[in-house]
Amino acid sequence: SGAAVTSYCMGWFRQAPGKEREGVSWIAGSSRNDHAG
């Protein structure tokens, strides 16, 4: 909310206790996407 995000890249990240934050997935405005191994 607050602004249109149609053209933004969006992603999911996760962080477990005692570990570094890591990327999970990424998706462009076109819906082209990729996921971590």
ModelCIF file with pLDDT and N, C-alpha, C, O atoms, coordinates in Angstrom:
data_MODEL
#
_entry.id   MODEL 
#
_entity.id                         1 
_entity.type                       polymer 
_entity.pdbx_number_of_molecules   1 
#
_entity_poly.entity_id                      1 
_entity_poly.type                           'polypeptide(L)' 
_entity_poly.nstd_linkage                   no 
_entity_poly.nstd_monomer                   no 
_entity_poly.pdbx_seq_one_letter_code       SGAAVTSYCMGWFRQAPGKEREGVSWIAGSSRNDHAG 
_entity_poly.pdbx_seq_one_letter_code_can   SGAAVTSYCMGWFRQAPGKEREGVSWIAGSSRNDHAG 
_entity_poly.pdbx_strand_id                 A 
#
loop_
_entity_poly_seq.entity_id 
_entity_poly_seq.num 
_entity_poly_seq.mon_id 
_entity_poly_seq.hetero 
1 1  SER n 
1 2  GLY n 
1 3  ALA n 
1 4  ALA n 
1 5  VAL n 
1 6  THR n 
1 7  SER n 
1 8  TYR n 
1 9  CYS n 
1 10 MET n 
1 11 GLY n 
1 12 TRP n 
1 13 PHE n 
1 14 ARG n 
1 15 GLN n 
1 16 ALA n 
1 17 PRO n 
1 18 GLY n 
1 19 LYS n 
1 20 GLU n 
1 21 ARG n 
1 22 GLU n 
1 23 GLY n 
1 24 VAL n 
1 25 SER n 
1 26 TRP n 
1 27 ILE n 
1 28 ALA n 
1 29 GLY n 
1 30 SER n 
1 31 SER n 
1 32 ARG n 
1 33 ASN n 
1 34 ASP n 
1 35 HIS n 
1 36 ALA n 
1 37 GLY n 
#
_struct_asym.id          A 
_struct_asym.entity_id   1 
#
loop_
_ma_qa_metric.id 
_ma_qa_metric.mode 
_ma_qa_metric.name 
_ma_qa_metric.software_group_id 
_ma_qa_metric.type 
1 global pLDDT . pLDDT 
2 local  pLDDT . pLDDT 
#
_ma_qa_metric_global.metric_id      1 
_ma_qa_metric_global.metric_value   91.00 
_ma_qa_metric_global.model_id       1 
_ma_qa_metric_global.ordinal_id     1 
#
loop_
_ma_qa_metric_local.label_asym_id 
_ma_qa_metric_local.label_comp_id 
_ma_qa_metric_local.label_seq_id 
_ma_qa_metric_local.metric_id 
_ma_qa_metric_local.metric_value 
_ma_qa_metric_local.model_id 
_ma_qa_metric_local.ordinal_id 
A SER 1  2 89.00 1 1  
A GLY 2  2 77.00 1 2  
A ALA 3  2 70.00 1 3  
A ALA 4  2 71.00 1 4  
A VAL 5  2 75.00 1 5  
A THR 6  2 75.00 1 6  
A SER 7  2 80.00 1 7  
A TYR 8  2 88.00 1 8  
A CYS 9  2 93.00 1 9  
A MET 10 2 94.00 1 10 
A GLY 11 2 96.00 1 11 
A TRP 12 2 97.00 1 12 
A PHE 13 2 98.00 1 13 
A ARG 14 2 98.00 1 14 
A GLN 15 2 98.00 1 15 
A ALA 16 2 97.00 1 16 
A PRO 17 2 93.00 1 17 
A GLY 18 2 95.00 1 18 
A LYS 19 2 96.00 1 19 
A GLU 20 2 95.00 1 20 
A ARG 21 2 95.00 1 21 
A GLU 22 2 96.00 1 22 
A GLY 23 2 96.00 1 23 
A VAL 24 2 98.00 1 24 
A SER 25 2 97.00 1 25 
A TRP 26 2 95.00 1 26 
A ILE 27 2 95.00 1 27 
A ALA 28 2 91.00 1 28 
A GLY 29 2 86.00 1 29 
A SER 30 2 86.00 1 30 
A SER 31 2 87.00 1 31 
A ARG 32 2 92.00 1 32 
A ASN 33 2 94.00 1 33 
A ASP 34 2 95.00 1 34 
A HIS 35 2 96.00 1 35 
A ALA 36 2 96.00 1 36 
A GLY 37 2 97.00 1 37 
#
loop_
_atom_site.group_PDB 
_atom_site.id 
_atom_site.type_symbol 
_atom_site.label_atom_id 
_atom_site.label_alt_id 
_atom_site.label_comp_id 
_atom_site.label_asym_id 
_atom_site.label_entity_id 
_atom_site.label_seq_id 
_atom_site.pdbx_PDB_ins_code 
_atom_site.Cartn_x 
_atom_site.Cartn_y 
_atom_site.Cartn_z 
_atom_site.occupancy 
_atom_site.B_iso_or_equiv 
_atom_site.pdbx_formal_charge 
_atom_site.auth_seq_id 
_atom_site.auth_comp_id 
_atom_site.auth_asym_id 
_atom_site.auth_atom_id 
_atom_site.pdbx_PDB_model_num 
ATOM 1   N N  . SER A 1 1  ? 0.840  -1.187  0.000   1.00 89.00 ? 1  SER A N  1 
ATOM 2   C CA . SER A 1 1  ? 0.000  0.000   0.000   1.00 89.00 ? 1  SER A CA 1 
ATOM 3   C C  . SER A 1 1  ? 0.880  1.243   0.000   1.00 89.00 ? 1  SER A C  1 
ATOM 4   O O  . SER A 1 1  ? 2.071  1.176   0.300   1.00 89.00 ? 1  SER A O  1 
ATOM 5   N N  . GLY A 1 2  ? 0.277  2.375   -0.340  1.00 77.00 ? 2  GLY A N  1 
ATOM 6   C CA . GLY A 1 2  ? 1.001  3.631   -0.319  1.00 77.00 ? 2  GLY A CA 1 
ATOM 7   C C  . GLY A 1 2  ? 1.545  4.076   -1.665  1.00 77.00 ? 2  GLY A C  1 
ATOM 8   O O  . GLY A 1 2  ? 1.802  5.263   -1.869  1.00 77.00 ? 2  GLY A O  1 
ATOM 9   N N  . ALA A 1 3  ? 1.723  3.137   -2.587  1.00 70.00 ? 3  ALA A N  1 
ATOM 10  C CA . ALA A 1 3  ? 2.220  3.446   -3.912  1.00 70.00 ? 3  ALA A CA 1 
ATOM 11  C C  . ALA A 1 3  ? 1.984  2.261   -4.829  1.00 70.00 ? 3  ALA A C  1 
ATOM 12  O O  . ALA A 1 3  ? 1.871  1.127   -4.364  1.00 70.00 ? 3  ALA A O  1 
ATOM 13  N N  . ALA A 1 4  ? 1.910  2.510   -6.111  1.00 71.00 ? 4  ALA A N  1 
ATOM 14  C CA . ALA A 1 4  ? 1.774  1.427   -7.086  1.00 71.00 ? 4  ALA A CA 1 
ATOM 15  C C  . ALA A 1 4  ? 3.085  0.653   -7.151  1.00 71.00 ? 4  ALA A C  1 
ATOM 16  O O  . ALA A 1 4  ? 4.163  1.248   -7.169  1.00 71.00 ? 4  ALA A O  1 
ATOM 17  N N  . VAL A 1 5  ? 2.991  -0.666  -7.186  1.00 75.00 ? 5  VAL A N  1 
ATOM 18  C CA . VAL A 1 5  ? 4.197  -1.501  -7.212  1.00 75.00 ? 5  VAL A CA 1 
ATOM 19  C C  . VAL A 1 5  ? 4.273  -2.353  -8.469  1.00 75.00 ? 5  VAL A C  1 
ATOM 20  O O  . VAL A 1 5  ? 5.027  -3.325  -8.515  1.00 75.00 ? 5  VAL A O  1 
ATOM 21  N N  . THR A 1 6  ? 3.513  -2.004  -9.471  1.00 75.00 ? 6  THR A N  1 
ATOM 22  C CA . THR A 1 6  ? 3.459  -2.784  -10.706 1.00 75.00 ? 6  THR A CA 1 
ATOM 23  C C  . THR A 1 6  ? 4.832  -3.017  -11.325 1.00 75.00 ? 6  THR A C  1 
ATOM 24  O O  . THR A 1 6  ? 5.117  -4.113  -11.807 1.00 75.00 ? 6  THR A O  1 
ATOM 25  N N  . SER A 1 7  ? 5.679  -2.001  -11.316 1.00 80.00 ? 7  SER A N  1 
ATOM 26  C CA . SER A 1 7  ? 6.982  -2.101  -11.951 1.00 80.00 ? 7  SER A CA 1 
ATOM 27  C C  . SER A 1 7  ? 8.117  -2.434  -10.981 1.00 80.00 ? 7  SER A C  1 
ATOM 28  O O  . SER A 1 7  ? 9.277  -2.511  -11.386 1.00 80.00 ? 7  SER A O  1 
ATOM 29  N N  . TYR A 1 8  ? 7.791  -2.629  -9.723  1.00 88.00 ? 8  TYR A N  1 
ATOM 30  C CA . TYR A 1 8  ? 8.819  -2.945  -8.728  1.00 88.00 ? 8  TYR A CA 1 
ATOM 31  C C  . TYR A 1 8  ? 9.252  -4.397  -8.817  1.00 88.00 ? 8  TYR A C  1 
ATOM 32  O O  . TYR A 1 8  ? 8.480  -5.276  -9.199  1.00 88.00 ? 8  TYR A O  1 
ATOM 33  N N  . CYS A 1 9  ? 10.508 -4.625  -8.455  1.00 93.00 ? 9  CYS A N  1 
ATOM 34  C CA . CYS A 1 9  ? 10.944 -5.978  -8.185  1.00 93.00 ? 9  CYS A CA 1 
ATOM 35  C C  . CYS A 1 9  ? 10.508 -6.297  -6.757  1.00 93.00 ? 9  CYS A C  1 
ATOM 36  O O  . CYS A 1 9  ? 10.646 -5.461  -5.864  1.00 93.00 ? 9  CYS A O  1 
ATOM 37  N N  . MET A 1 10 ? 9.988  -7.489  -6.543  1.00 94.00 ? 10 MET A N  1 
ATOM 38  C CA . MET A 1 10 ? 9.613  -7.898  -5.205  1.00 94.00 ? 10 MET A CA 1 
ATOM 39  C C  . MET A 1 10 ? 10.275 -9.230  -4.884  1.00 94.00 ? 10 MET A C  1 
ATOM 40  O O  . MET A 1 10 ? 10.593 -10.018 -5.774  1.00 94.00 ? 10 MET A O  1 
ATOM 41  N N  . GLY A 1 11 ? 10.474 -9.457  -3.599  1.00 96.00 ? 11 GLY A N  1 
ATOM 42  C CA . GLY A 1 11 ? 11.138 -10.684 -3.207  1.00 96.00 ? 11 GLY A CA 1 
ATOM 43  C C  . GLY A 1 11 ? 10.735 -11.164 -1.840  1.00 96.00 ? 11 GLY A C  1 
ATOM 44  O O  . GLY A 1 11 ? 10.176 -10.418 -1.035  1.00 96.00 ? 11 GLY A O  1 
ATOM 45  N N  . TRP A 1 12 ? 11.027 -12.423 -1.590  1.00 97.00 ? 12 TRP A N  1 
ATOM 46  C CA . TRP A 1 12 ? 10.838 -13.028 -0.279  1.00 97.00 ? 12 TRP A CA 1 
ATOM 47  C C  . TRP A 1 12 ? 12.210 -13.383 0.289   1.00 97.00 ? 12 TRP A C  1 
ATOM 48  O O  . TRP A 1 12 ? 13.065 -13.927 -0.410  1.00 97.00 ? 12 TRP A O  1 
ATOM 49  N N  . PHE A 1 13 ? 12.402 -13.067 1.557   1.00 98.00 ? 13 PHE A N  1 
ATOM 50  C CA . PHE A 1 13 ? 13.625 -13.406 2.271   1.00 98.00 ? 13 PHE A CA 1 
ATOM 51  C C  . PHE A 1 13 ? 13.236 -14.105 3.563   1.00 98.00 ? 13 PHE A C  1 
ATOM 52  O O  . PHE A 1 13 ? 12.096 -13.997 4.014   1.00 98.00 ? 13 PHE A O  1 
ATOM 53  N N  . ARG A 1 14 ? 14.173 -14.815 4.153   1.00 98.00 ? 14 ARG A N  1 
ATOM 54  C CA . ARG A 1 14 ? 13.887 -15.473 5.423   1.00 98.00 ? 14 ARG A CA 1 
ATOM 55  C C  . ARG A 1 14 ? 15.115 -15.447 6.315   1.00 98.00 ? 14 ARG A C  1 
ATOM 56  O O  . ARG A 1 14 ? 16.248 -15.379 5.838   1.00 98.00 ? 14 ARG A O  1 
ATOM 57  N N  . GLN A 1 15 ? 14.870 -15.503 7.619   1.00 98.00 ? 15 GLN A N  1 
ATOM 58  C CA . GLN A 1 15 ? 15.953 -15.503 8.576   1.00 98.00 ? 15 GLN A CA 1 
ATOM 59  C C  . GLN A 1 15 ? 15.604 -16.390 9.759   1.00 98.00 ? 15 GLN A C  1 
ATOM 60  O O  . GLN A 1 15 ? 14.588 -16.189 10.423  1.00 98.00 ? 15 GLN A O  1 
ATOM 61  N N  . ALA A 1 16 ? 16.456 -17.369 10.014  1.00 97.00 ? 16 ALA A N  1 
ATOM 62  C CA . ALA A 1 16 ? 16.295 -18.263 11.150  1.00 97.00 ? 16 ALA A CA 1 
ATOM 63  C C  . ALA A 1 16 ? 17.180 -17.765 12.290  1.00 97.00 ? 16 ALA A C  1 
ATOM 64  O O  . ALA A 1 16 ? 18.175 -17.087 12.034  1.00 97.00 ? 16 ALA A O  1 
ATOM 65  N N  . PRO A 1 17 ? 16.845 -18.083 13.541  1.00 93.00 ? 17 PRO A N  1 
ATOM 66  C CA . PRO A 1 17 ? 17.657 -17.646 14.678  1.00 93.00 ? 17 PRO A CA 1 
ATOM 67  C C  . PRO A 1 17 ? 19.116 -18.065 14.522  1.00 93.00 ? 17 PRO A C  1 
ATOM 68  O O  . PRO A 1 17 ? 19.407 -19.224 14.228  1.00 93.00 ? 17 PRO A O  1 
ATOM 69  N N  . GLY A 1 18 ? 20.023 -17.121 14.719  1.00 95.00 ? 18 GLY A N  1 
ATOM 70  C CA . GLY A 1 18 ? 21.437 -17.412 14.631  1.00 95.00 ? 18 GLY A CA 1 
ATOM 71  C C  . GLY A 1 18 ? 22.000 -17.497 13.230  1.00 95.00 ? 18 GLY A C  1 
ATOM 72  O O  . GLY A 1 18 ? 23.182 -17.795 13.056  1.00 95.00 ? 18 GLY A O  1 
ATOM 73  N N  . LYS A 1 19 ? 21.178 -17.242 12.225  1.00 96.00 ? 19 LYS A N  1 
ATOM 74  C CA . LYS A 1 19 ? 21.636 -17.317 10.845  1.00 96.00 ? 19 LYS A CA 1 
ATOM 75  C C  . LYS A 1 19 ? 21.444 -15.991 10.115  1.00 96.00 ? 19 LYS A C  1 
ATOM 76  O O  . LYS A 1 19 ? 20.676 -15.132 10.549  1.00 96.00 ? 19 LYS A O  1 
ATOM 77  N N  . GLU A 1 20 ? 22.150 -15.844 9.006   1.00 95.00 ? 20 GLU A N  1 
ATOM 78  C CA . GLU A 1 20 ? 22.034 -14.644 8.188   1.00 95.00 ? 20 GLU A CA 1 
ATOM 79  C C  . GLU A 1 20 ? 20.732 -14.673 7.393   1.00 95.00 ? 20 GLU A C  1 
ATOM 80  O O  . GLU A 1 20 ? 20.189 -15.736 7.090   1.00 95.00 ? 20 GLU A O  1 
ATOM 81  N N  . ARG A 1 21 ? 20.248 -13.478 7.066   1.00 95.00 ? 21 ARG A N  1 
ATOM 82  C CA . ARG A 1 21 ? 19.067 -13.388 6.221   1.00 95.00 ? 21 ARG A CA 1 
ATOM 83  C C  . ARG A 1 21 ? 19.426 -13.885 4.820   1.00 95.00 ? 21 ARG A C  1 
ATOM 84  O O  . ARG A 1 21 ? 20.468 -13.521 4.276   1.00 95.00 ? 21 ARG A O  1 
ATOM 85  N N  . GLU A 1 22 ? 18.567 -14.710 4.243   1.00 96.00 ? 22 GLU A N  1 
ATOM 86  C CA . GLU A 1 22 ? 18.834 -15.256 2.926   1.00 96.00 ? 22 GLU A CA 1 
ATOM 87  C C  . GLU A 1 22 ? 17.655 -15.044 1.984   1.00 96.00 ? 22 GLU A C  1 
ATOM 88  O O  . GLU A 1 22 ? 16.501 -14.994 2.409   1.00 96.00 ? 22 GLU A O  1 
ATOM 89  N N  . GLY A 1 23 ? 17.968 -14.921 0.706   1.00 96.00 ? 23 GLY A N  1 
ATOM 90  C CA . GLY A 1 23 ? 16.939 -14.746 -0.291  1.00 96.00 ? 23 GLY A CA 1 
ATOM 91  C C  . GLY A 1 23 ? 16.202 -16.046 -0.555  1.00 96.00 ? 23 GLY A C  1 
ATOM 92  O O  . GLY A 1 23 ? 16.795 -17.125 -0.517  1.00 96.00 ? 23 GLY A O  1 
ATOM 93  N N  . VAL A 1 24 ? 14.923 -15.943 -0.822  1.00 98.00 ? 24 VAL A N  1 
ATOM 94  C CA . VAL A 1 24 ? 14.080 -17.094 -1.127  1.00 98.00 ? 24 VAL A CA 1 
ATOM 95  C C  . VAL A 1 24 ? 13.640 -17.069 -2.590  1.00 98.00 ? 24 VAL A C  1 
ATOM 96  O O  . VAL A 1 24 ? 13.784 -18.054 -3.314  1.00 98.00 ? 24 VAL A O  1 
ATOM 97  N N  . SER A 1 25 ? 13.102 -15.924 -3.008  1.00 97.00 ? 25 SER A N  1 
ATOM 98  C CA . SER A 1 25 ? 12.635 -15.794 -4.380  1.00 97.00 ? 25 SER A CA 1 
ATOM 99  C C  . SER A 1 25 ? 12.567 -14.332 -4.792  1.00 97.00 ? 25 SER A C  1 
ATOM 100 O O  . SER A 1 25 ? 12.575 -13.431 -3.954  1.00 97.00 ? 25 SER A O  1 
ATOM 101 N N  . TRP A 1 26 ? 12.499 -14.114 -6.110  1.00 95.00 ? 26 TRP A N  1 
ATOM 102 C CA . TRP A 1 26 ? 12.441 -12.770 -6.674  1.00 95.00 ? 26 TRP A CA 1 
ATOM 103 C C  . TRP A 1 26 ? 11.486 -12.783 -7.860  1.00 95.00 ? 26 TRP A C  1 
ATOM 104 O O  . TRP A 1 26 ? 11.446 -13.743 -8.629  1.00 95.00 ? 26 TRP A O  1 
ATOM 105 N N  . ILE A 1 27 ? 10.721 -11.710 -8.000  1.00 95.00 ? 27 ILE A N  1 
ATOM 106 C CA . ILE A 1 27 ? 9.767  -11.649 -9.099  1.00 95.00 ? 27 ILE A CA 1 
ATOM 107 C C  . ILE A 1 27 ? 9.669  -10.220 -9.617  1.00 95.00 ? 27 ILE A C  1 
ATOM 108 O O  . ILE A 1 27 ? 9.493  -9.279  -8.843  1.00 95.00 ? 27 ILE A O  1 
ATOM 109 N N  . ALA A 1 28 ? 9.785  -10.067 -10.933 1.00 91.00 ? 28 ALA A N  1 
ATOM 110 C CA . ALA A 1 28 ? 9.705  -8.768  -11.586 1.00 91.00 ? 28 ALA A CA 1 
ATOM 111 C C  . ALA A 1 28 ? 8.255  -8.397  -11.866 1.00 91.00 ? 28 ALA A C  1 
ATOM 112 O O  . ALA A 1 28 ? 7.346  -9.208  -11.688 1.00 91.00 ? 28 ALA A O  1 
ATOM 113 N N  . GLY A 1 29 ? 8.054  -7.163  -12.306 1.00 86.00 ? 29 GLY A N  1 
ATOM 114 C CA . GLY A 1 29 ? 6.709  -6.708  -12.618 1.00 86.00 ? 29 GLY A CA 1 
ATOM 115 C C  . GLY A 1 29 ? 6.044  -7.530  -13.704 1.00 86.00 ? 29 GLY A C  1 
ATOM 116 O O  . GLY A 1 29 ? 4.818  -7.633  -13.745 1.00 86.00 ? 29 GLY A O  1 
ATOM 117 N N  . SER A 1 30 ? 6.845  -8.118  -14.587 1.00 86.00 ? 30 SER A N  1 
ATOM 118 C CA . SER A 1 30 ? 6.339  -8.958  -15.659 1.00 86.00 ? 30 SER A CA 1 
ATOM 119 C C  . SER A 1 30 ? 5.955  -10.351 -15.172 1.00 86.00 ? 30 SER A C  1 
ATOM 120 O O  . SER A 1 30 ? 5.398  -11.146 -15.929 1.00 86.00 ? 30 SER A O  1 
ATOM 121 N N  . SER A 1 31 ? 6.252  -10.645 -13.910 1.00 87.00 ? 31 SER A N  1 
ATOM 122 C CA . SER A 1 31 ? 6.068  -11.948 -13.261 1.00 87.00 ? 31 SER A CA 1 
ATOM 123 C C  . SER A 1 31 ? 7.187  -12.942 -13.571 1.00 87.00 ? 31 SER A C  1 
ATOM 124 O O  . SER A 1 31 ? 7.135  -14.090 -13.131 1.00 87.00 ? 31 SER A O  1 
ATOM 125 N N  . ARG A 1 32 ? 8.191  -12.507 -14.320 1.00 92.00 ? 32 ARG A N  1 
ATOM 126 C CA . ARG A 1 32 ? 9.382  -13.326 -14.488 1.00 92.00 ? 32 ARG A CA 1 
ATOM 127 C C  . ARG A 1 32 ? 9.977  -13.522 -13.099 1.00 92.00 ? 32 ARG A C  1 
ATOM 128 O O  . ARG A 1 32 ? 10.132 -12.553 -12.355 1.00 92.00 ? 32 ARG A O  1 
ATOM 129 N N  . ASN A 1 33 ? 10.314 -14.762 -12.735 1.00 94.00 ? 33 ASN A N  1 
ATOM 130 C CA . ASN A 1 33 ? 10.746 -15.011 -11.372 1.00 94.00 ? 33 ASN A CA 1 
ATOM 131 C C  . ASN A 1 33 ? 11.786 -16.114 -11.274 1.00 94.00 ? 33 ASN A C  1 
ATOM 132 O O  . ASN A 1 33 ? 12.030 -16.847 -12.233 1.00 94.00 ? 33 ASN A O  1 
ATOM 133 N N  . ASP A 1 34 ? 12.388 -16.218 -10.114 1.00 95.00 ? 34 ASP A N  1 
ATOM 134 C CA . ASP A 1 34 ? 13.386 -17.239 -9.850  1.00 95.00 ? 34 ASP A CA 1 
ATOM 135 C C  . ASP A 1 34 ? 13.365 -17.545 -8.363  1.00 95.00 ? 34 ASP A C  1 
ATOM 136 O O  . ASP A 1 34 ? 12.875 -16.748 -7.563  1.00 95.00 ? 34 ASP A O  1 
ATOM 137 N N  . HIS A 1 35 ? 13.899 -18.703 -7.995  1.00 96.00 ? 35 HIS A N  1 
ATOM 138 C CA . HIS A 1 35 ? 13.926 -19.136 -6.608  1.00 96.00 ? 35 HIS A CA 1 
ATOM 139 C C  . HIS A 1 35 ? 15.315 -19.616 -6.225  1.00 96.00 ? 35 HIS A C  1 
ATOM 140 O O  . HIS A 1 35 ? 16.069 -20.102 -7.068  1.00 96.00 ? 35 HIS A O  1 
ATOM 141 N N  . ALA A 1 36 ? 15.643 -19.479 -4.963  1.00 96.00 ? 36 ALA A N  1 
ATOM 142 C CA . ALA A 1 36 ? 16.913 -19.960 -4.455  1.00 96.00 ? 36 ALA A CA 1 
ATOM 143 C C  . ALA A 1 36 ? 16.939 -21.489 -4.499  1.00 96.00 ? 36 ALA A C  1 
ATOM 144 O O  . ALA A 1 36 ? 15.901 -22.143 -4.398  1.00 96.00 ? 36 ALA A O  1 
ATOM 145 N N  . GLY A 1 37 ? 18.130 -22.039 -4.649  1.00 97.00 ? 37 GLY A N  1 
ATOM 146 C CA . GLY A 1 37 ? 18.289 -23.482 -4.782  1.00 97.00 ? 37 GLY A CA 1 
ATOM 147 C C  . GLY A 1 37 ? 17.572 -24.331 -3.748  1.00 97.00 ? 37 GLY A C  1 
ATOM 148 O O  . GLY A 1 37 ? 17.656 -25.558 -3.791  1.00 97.00 ? 37 GLY A O  1 
#
